[in-house]
Amino acid sequence: MSKSIKMFFAMAALLILAFPAWALSLEQAKSQGLVGEQLNGYIGAVGNSPSADVRNLVSSINQQRNELYKQRARESSVTLDVFEARAGERLRERANTGEFIQDSNGQWRRK
């Protein structure tokens, strides 16, 4: 393997390893007012034009939550809808002051 190809792979590996440090965390997004807790137990983007980072974060977190909710709903012998609503209520209650939560009308407001 030539030296330039080895260097390319080394740089690519460094970028892949460093990527999580560049990624937006859920806590950062909440504290910056970019996302909030919805009624249904999932996070949502606050605002009309979320960035690609915010959209990716919302999608990733919601996929993880959905898998967890399905499992916990089965274990609790309740429907997914019921479990999601309960989780949404708990997550909104636990939201920090200043973070966005969805009110009963579906509107975003700061807690």
C-alpha atoms as a PDB file:
ATOM      1  CA  MET A   1       0.000   0.000   0.000  1.00  0.00           C
ATOM      2  CA  SER A   2       1.404   3.361  -0.904  1.00  0.00           C
ATOM      3  CA  LYS A   3       2.175   5.992   1.713  1.00  0.00           C
ATOM      4  CA  SER A   4      -0.554   8.349   0.435  1.00  0.00           C
ATOM      5  CA  ILE A   5      -3.229   5.652   0.736  1.00  0.00           C
ATOM      6  CA  LYS A   6      -2.104   4.828   4.272  1.00  0.00           C
ATOM      7  CA  MET A   7      -2.222   8.523   5.139  1.00  0.00           C
ATOM      8  CA  PHE A   8      -5.734   8.793   3.663  1.00  0.00           C
ATOM      9  CA  PHE A   9      -6.998   5.895   5.786  1.00  0.00           C
ATOM     10  CA  ALA A  10      -5.303   7.283   8.881  1.00  0.00           C
ATOM     11  CA  MET A  11      -6.964  10.674   8.368  1.00  0.00           C
ATOM     12  CA  ALA A  12     -10.330   9.046   7.673  1.00  0.00           C
ATOM     13  CA  ALA A  13     -10.058   7.019  10.896  1.00  0.00           C
ATOM     14  CA  LEU A  14      -9.244  10.154  12.878  1.00  0.00           C
ATOM     15  CA  LEU A  15     -12.232  11.976  11.430  1.00  0.00           C
ATOM     16  CA  ILE A  16     -14.544   9.079  12.227  1.00  0.00           C
ATOM     17  CA  LEU A  17     -13.279   8.889  15.794  1.00  0.00           C
ATOM     18  CA  ALA A  18     -13.522  12.644  16.252  1.00  0.00           C
ATOM     19  CA  PHE A  19     -17.024  12.965  14.768  1.00  0.00           C
ATOM     20  CA  PRO A  20     -18.907  12.324  18.023  1.00  0.00           C
ATOM     21  CA  ALA A  21     -17.134  15.308  19.558  1.00  0.00           C
ATOM     22  CA  TRP A  22     -18.594  17.512  16.813  1.00  0.00           C
ATOM     23  CA  ALA A  23     -22.088  16.049  17.044  1.00  0.00           C
ATOM     24  CA  LEU A  24     -24.802  17.905  18.882  1.00  0.00           C
ATOM     25  CA  SER A  25     -25.850  16.222  22.134  1.00  0.00           C
ATOM     26  CA  LEU A  26     -29.419  16.081  23.374  1.00  0.00           C
ATOM     27  CA  GLU A  27     -28.517  18.156  26.415  1.00  0.00           C
ATOM     28  CA  GLN A  28     -26.899  20.836  24.262  1.00  0.00           C
ATOM     29  CA  ALA A  29     -29.863  20.935  21.907  1.00  0.00           C
ATOM     30  CA  LYS A  30     -32.309  21.261  24.808  1.00  0.00           C
ATOM     31  CA  SER A  31     -30.313  23.981  26.549  1.00  0.00           C
ATOM     32  CA  GLN A  32     -30.019  25.918  23.284  1.00  0.00           C
ATOM     33  CA  GLY A  33     -33.779  25.704  22.733  1.00  0.00           C
ATOM     34  CA  LEU A  34     -33.419  23.661  19.550  1.00  0.00           C
ATOM     35  CA  VAL A  35     -35.484  20.673  20.712  1.00  0.00           C
ATOM     36  CA  GLY A  36     -38.067  19.979  23.367  1.00  0.00           C
ATOM     37  CA  GLU A  37     -40.106  17.211  24.944  1.00  0.00           C
ATOM     38  CA  GLN A  38     -43.368  16.456  23.159  1.00  0.00           C
ATOM     39  CA  LEU A  39     -46.624  15.142  24.594  1.00  0.00           C
ATOM     40  CA  ASN A  40     -46.038  11.739  23.005  1.00  0.00           C
ATOM     41  CA  GLY A  41     -42.738  10.980  24.780  1.00  0.00           C
ATOM     42  CA  TYR A  42     -40.508  11.887  21.860  1.00  0.00           C
ATOM     43  CA  ILE A  43     -38.408  14.949  21.216  1.00  0.00           C
ATOM     44  CA  GLY A  44     -39.275  17.454  18.541  1.00  0.00           C
ATOM     45  CA  ALA A  45     -37.456  20.258  16.814  1.00  0.00           C
ATOM     46  CA  VAL A  46     -38.499  23.690  18.049  1.00  0.00           C
ATOM     47  CA  GLY A  47     -38.769  26.125  15.165  1.00  0.00           C
ATOM     48  CA  ASN A  48     -39.598  25.881  11.508  1.00  0.00           C
ATOM     49  CA  SER A  49     -36.196  25.197   9.916  1.00  0.00           C
ATOM     50  CA  PRO A  50     -34.081  22.875  12.054  1.00  0.00           C
ATOM     51  CA  SER A  51     -30.534  22.208  10.902  1.00  0.00           C
ATOM     52  CA  ALA A  52     -29.461  18.819   9.588  1.00  0.00           C
ATOM     53  CA  ASP A  53     -27.702  18.169  12.915  1.00  0.00           C
ATOM     54  CA  VAL A  54     -30.919  18.811  14.827  1.00  0.00           C
ATOM     55  CA  ARG A  55     -32.986  16.665  12.447  1.00  0.00           C
ATOM     56  CA  ASN A  56     -30.466  13.823  12.754  1.00  0.00           C
ATOM     57  CA  LEU A  57     -30.423  14.112  16.535  1.00  0.00           C
ATOM     58  CA  VAL A  58     -34.227  14.070  16.756  1.00  0.00           C
ATOM     59  CA  SER A  59     -34.429  11.042  14.476  1.00  0.00           C
ATOM     60  CA  SER A  60     -31.743   9.121  16.343  1.00  0.00           C
ATOM     61  CA  ILE A  61     -33.092   9.830  19.830  1.00  0.00           C
ATOM     62  CA  ASN A  62     -36.657   9.065  18.792  1.00  0.00           C
ATOM     63  CA  GLN A  63     -35.656   5.744  17.216  1.00  0.00           C
ATOM     64  CA  GLN A  64     -33.916   4.764  20.448  1.00  0.00           C
ATOM     65  CA  ARG A  65     -36.873   5.852  22.546  1.00  0.00           C
ATOM     66  CA  ASN A  66     -39.319   3.990  20.306  1.00  0.00           C
ATOM     67  CA  GLU A  67     -37.422   0.726  20.736  1.00  0.00           C
ATOM     68  CA  LEU A  68     -37.274   1.215  24.500  1.00  0.00           C
ATOM     69  CA  TYR A  69     -40.955   2.188  24.687  1.00  0.00           C
ATOM     70  CA  LYS A  70     -42.013  -0.915  22.728  1.00  0.00           C
ATOM     71  CA  GLN A  71     -40.068  -3.144  25.093  1.00  0.00           C
ATOM     72  CA  ARG A  72     -41.337  -1.424  28.239  1.00  0.00           C
ATOM     73  CA  ALA A  73     -44.935  -1.387  26.976  1.00  0.00           C
ATOM     74  CA  ARG A  74     -44.801  -5.164  26.414  1.00  0.00           C
ATOM     75  CA  GLU A  75     -43.274  -5.675  29.873  1.00  0.00           C
ATOM     76  CA  SER A  76     -45.981  -3.473  31.434  1.00  0.00           C
ATOM     77  CA  SER A  77     -48.806  -5.067  29.424  1.00  0.00           C
ATOM     78  CA  VAL A  78     -49.985  -1.715  28.088  1.00  0.00           C
ATOM     79  CA  THR A  79     -50.299  -0.408  24.557  1.00  0.00           C
ATOM     80  CA  LEU A  80     -47.497   1.597  23.021  1.00  0.00           C
ATOM     81  CA  ASP A  81     -49.742   4.683  22.903  1.00  0.00           C
ATOM     82  CA  VAL A  82     -50.364   4.491  26.642  1.00  0.00           C
ATOM     83  CA  PHE A  83     -46.679   4.037  27.410  1.00  0.00           C
ATOM     84  CA  GLU A  84     -45.698   6.928  25.120  1.00  0.00           C
ATOM     85  CA  ALA A  85     -48.199   9.255  26.802  1.00  0.00           C
ATOM     86  CA  ARG A  86     -46.934   8.312  30.264  1.00  0.00           C
ATOM     87  CA  ALA A  87     -43.320   8.774  29.182  1.00  0.00           C
ATOM     88  CA  GLY A  88     -44.186  12.143  27.651  1.00  0.00           C
ATOM     89  CA  GLU A  89     -45.741  13.312  30.887  1.00  0.00           C
ATOM     90  CA  ARG A  90     -42.730  12.205  32.966  1.00  0.00           C
ATOM     91  CA  LEU A  91     -40.188  13.702  30.568  1.00  0.00           C
ATOM     92  CA  ARG A  92     -41.989  17.047  30.451  1.00  0.00           C
ATOM     93  CA  GLU A  93     -42.172  17.086  34.269  1.00  0.00           C
ATOM     94  CA  ARG A  94     -38.420  16.363  34.481  1.00  0.00           C
ATOM     95  CA  ALA A  95     -37.441  18.983  31.913  1.00  0.00           C
ATOM     96  CA  ASN A  96     -35.160  21.665  33.288  1.00  0.00           C
ATOM     97  CA  THR A  97     -36.315  25.214  33.763  1.00  0.00           C
ATOM     98  CA  GLY A  98     -35.894  27.107  30.495  1.00  0.00           C
ATOM     99  CA  GLU A  99     -36.173  24.028  28.264  1.00  0.00           C
ATOM    100  CA  PHE A 100     -39.006  23.721  25.768  1.00  0.00           C
ATOM    101  CA  ILE A 101     -41.922  21.401  26.401  1.00  0.00           C
ATOM    102  CA  GLN A 102     -45.080  20.894  24.411  1.00  0.00           C
ATOM    103  CA  ASP A 103     -48.247  22.026  26.197  1.00  0.00           C
ATOM    104  CA  SER A 104     -51.626  20.287  26.009  1.00  0.00           C
ATOM    105  CA  ASN A 105     -52.477  22.356  22.895  1.00  0.00           C
ATOM    106  CA  GLY A 106     -49.352  21.134  21.097  1.00  0.00           C
ATOM    107  CA  GLN A 107     -47.616  24.506  21.361  1.00  0.00           C
ATOM    108  CA  TRP A 108     -44.002  24.909  22.464  1.00  0.00           C
ATOM    109  CA  ARG A 109     -43.381  26.832  25.675  1.00  0.00           C
ATOM    110  CA  ARG A 110     -40.444  27.227  28.004  1.00  0.00           C
ATOM    111  CA  LYS A 111     -40.784  25.442  31.303  1.00  0.00           C
END
